[in-house]
Every structure is written in structure tokens, then in C-alpha cells.
Amino acid sequence: MKSINQVKEQVHLRVWHQVRNQVSGQVWDQVWRQVWRQVWQVREQVKNQVWLQVEDQVWNQVGDQVRVQVWDQV
């Protein structure tokens, strides 16, 4: 037969584990969402900057080539 202290200890451990698991799960979810949101924002910023640079470079190169070809034909 278990003593009252053993029962208290078992109850304490079960409650502790449940609370710890629930709180750590909630904290992990919140942290993950915040980190993912920040990563996504950085990704979008980098994508936009790179796209603008590539677009400018391609537009300038193609524009130069088209101008030269048109000038040569005129």
C-alpha cells in the first residue's frame, strides 16, 4: 500500500509534467510562429531587392541591345 506521501509525489509529478508539457508546447508554438513570420519578412525583402536588381540589369542590357540593333538598321 502506498503512503500518503507517495501518492502526493505521484500526483505532483503528473501535474508537473502535464503543466510543463502544455506550457512548453504553447511557448514553442508562439516562438515558432514569430520566428517564421520574421524569416518570411526577410525572405520577401531579399526577394524584392534581388528581383529589382535583376530587373534593372536585364532591362538595361536588353534596352542597350535593342537600341544598338535598331540604330544599326536605321
Protein backbone atom coordinates (compact mmCIF):
# COMPACT_ATOMS: atom_id res chain seq x y z
CA MET A 1 0.00 0.00 0.00
CA LYS A 2 1.27 3.45 -0.88
CA SER A 3 1.77 6.06 1.73
CA ILE A 4 0.11 9.45 1.51
CA ASN A 5 3.49 10.99 0.69
CA GLN A 6 3.96 8.63 -2.24
CA VAL A 7 0.51 9.48 -3.58
CA LYS A 8 1.24 13.21 -3.19
CA GLU A 9 4.52 12.78 -5.01
CA GLN A 10 2.86 10.89 -7.86
CA VAL A 11 0.12 13.48 -8.21
CA HIS A 12 2.68 16.27 -8.04
CA LEU A 13 4.81 14.68 -10.76
CA ARG A 14 1.85 14.04 -13.05
CA VAL A 15 0.53 17.57 -12.68
CA TRP A 16 4.03 18.99 -13.11
CA HIS A 17 4.62 17.01 -16.31
CA GLN A 18 1.23 17.96 -17.76
CA VAL A 19 1.69 21.65 -17.00
CA ARG A 20 5.28 21.65 -18.25
CA ASN A 21 4.35 19.89 -21.48
CA GLN A 22 1.37 22.15 -22.13
CA VAL A 23 3.26 25.38 -21.37
CA SER A 24 6.35 24.37 -23.31
CA GLY A 25 4.16 23.39 -26.27
CA GLN A 26 2.40 26.75 -26.23
CA VAL A 27 5.66 28.67 -25.87
CA TRP A 28 7.23 26.65 -28.69
CA ASP A 29 4.25 27.36 -30.95
CA GLN A 30 4.41 31.10 -30.25
CA VAL A 31 8.16 31.28 -30.76
CA TRP A 32 7.95 29.23 -33.95
CA ARG A 33 5.22 31.48 -35.37
CA GLN A 34 7.19 34.64 -34.55
CA VAL A 35 10.43 33.28 -35.98
CA TRP A 36 8.69 32.04 -39.12
CA ARG A 37 6.98 35.41 -39.59
CA GLN A 38 10.33 37.20 -39.33
CA VAL A 39 12.03 34.73 -41.67
CA TRP A 40 9.22 35.22 -44.19
CA GLN A 41 9.54 39.01 -43.98
CA VAL A 42 13.30 38.84 -44.56
CA ARG A 43 12.75 36.43 -47.44
CA GLU A 44 10.28 38.81 -49.06
CA GLN A 45 12.61 41.78 -48.61
CA VAL A 46 15.57 39.93 -50.09
CA LYS A 47 13.45 38.56 -52.93
CA ASN A 48 12.16 42.03 -53.76
CA GLN A 49 15.62 43.60 -53.65
CA VAL A 50 17.16 40.87 -55.79
CA TRP A 51 14.26 41.00 -58.23
CA LEU A 52 14.62 44.77 -58.62
CA GLN A 53 18.36 44.45 -59.20
CA VAL A 54 17.95 41.67 -61.74
CA GLU A 55 15.11 43.51 -63.44
CA ASP A 56 17.22 46.67 -63.72
CA GLN A 57 20.24 44.80 -65.06
CA VAL A 58 18.24 42.80 -67.60
CA TRP A 59 16.23 45.86 -68.68
CA ASN A 60 19.40 47.89 -69.15
CA GLN A 61 21.17 45.14 -71.09
CA VAL A 62 18.21 44.32 -73.30
CA GLY A 63 17.46 48.02 -73.78
CA ASP A 64 21.05 48.65 -74.86
CA GLN A 65 20.99 45.73 -77.30
CA VAL A 66 17.67 46.78 -78.79
CA ARG A 67 18.86 50.38 -79.20
CA VAL A 68 22.05 49.22 -80.94
CA GLN A 69 20.17 46.87 -83.27
CA VAL A 70 17.56 49.47 -84.12
CA TRP A 71 20.25 52.12 -84.67
CA ASP A 72 22.18 49.76 -86.95
CA GLN A 73 19.07 49.12 -89.05
CA VAL A 74 18.24 52.78 -89.34
